[in-house]
Protein backbone atom coordinates (compact mmCIF):
# COMPACT_ATOMS: atom_id res chain seq x y z
CA MET A 1 0.00 0.00 0.00
CA SER A 2 1.41 3.37 -0.99
CA LYS A 3 1.57 6.44 1.21
CA GLU A 4 -1.18 8.11 -0.80
CA VAL A 5 -3.63 5.26 -0.30
CA GLY A 6 -2.83 5.18 3.42
CA ALA A 7 -3.40 8.92 3.70
CA ILE A 8 -6.72 8.65 1.87
CA LEU A 9 -7.83 5.86 4.20
CA VAL A 10 -6.80 7.77 7.34
CA PHE A 11 -8.46 11.03 6.29
CA GLY A 12 -11.50 9.14 5.06
CA ALA A 13 -11.83 7.47 8.46
CA ILE A 14 -11.55 10.85 10.18
CA ILE A 15 -14.26 12.33 7.95
CA VAL A 16 -16.57 9.34 8.47
CA GLY A 17 -16.04 9.59 12.24
CA ALA A 18 -16.85 13.31 12.20
CA ILE A 19 -20.03 12.71 10.20
CA ILE A 20 -21.13 9.96 12.59
CA MET A 21 -20.51 12.21 15.62
CA PHE A 22 -22.45 15.06 13.96
CA VAL A 23 -25.43 12.81 13.22
CA LEU A 24 -25.44 11.44 16.78
CA GLU A 25 -25.32 14.97 18.21
CA GLN A 26 -28.21 16.11 16.00
CA ARG A 27 -30.27 13.13 17.12
CA GLY A 28 -29.52 14.00 20.74
CA VAL A 29 -30.55 17.61 20.19
CA ALA A 30 -33.81 16.46 18.59
CA ARG A 31 -34.49 14.13 21.53
CA ARG A 32 -33.88 16.88 24.09
CA LYS A 33 -36.07 19.31 22.13
CA ALA A 34 -38.87 16.72 21.98
CA ALA A 35 -38.55 16.20 25.74
CA ARG A 36 -39.16 19.95 26.22
CA GLY A 37 -42.29 19.80 24.11
CA GLY A 38 -40.62 21.33 21.06
CA ARG A 39 -39.67 24.55 22.83
CA GLU A 40 -36.31 26.22 22.28
CA ILE A 41 -34.39 27.39 25.31
CA ASP A 42 -32.86 30.86 24.99
CA VAL A 43 -29.57 30.85 26.87
CA SER A 44 -28.45 34.31 25.76
CA ASN A 45 -29.76 35.90 28.97
CA LEU A 46 -27.97 33.32 31.08
CA ILE A 47 -24.73 33.98 29.24
CA ALA A 48 -25.04 37.76 29.50
CA PHE A 49 -26.49 38.11 33.01
CA GLY A 50 -25.57 34.92 34.83
CA SER A 51 -27.82 32.93 37.14
CA ALA A 52 -29.87 36.02 38.08
CA ALA A 53 -31.47 35.87 34.62
CA GLY A 54 -32.91 32.48 35.48
CA GLU A 55 -34.72 34.09 38.38
CA GLY A 56 -35.97 36.99 36.23
CA LYS A 57 -33.57 39.51 37.81
CA LYS A 58 -31.27 41.00 35.20
CA THR A 59 -30.04 43.84 37.39
CA HIS A 60 -29.28 44.01 41.06
CA ASP A 61 -31.39 46.41 43.13
């Protein structure tokens, strides 16, 4: 087996592995979304304001 064929096999295996991981992740996302009743969860407030956003308090009084 030449170096070129070996390289094609190695990179092909990496690409196939990446595609499999992507498909599994998408299936997991779909399962979690179905468990929430199809609702999306907006995490932008949690990222910007921390745990206080989860309680509805974006600013401290």
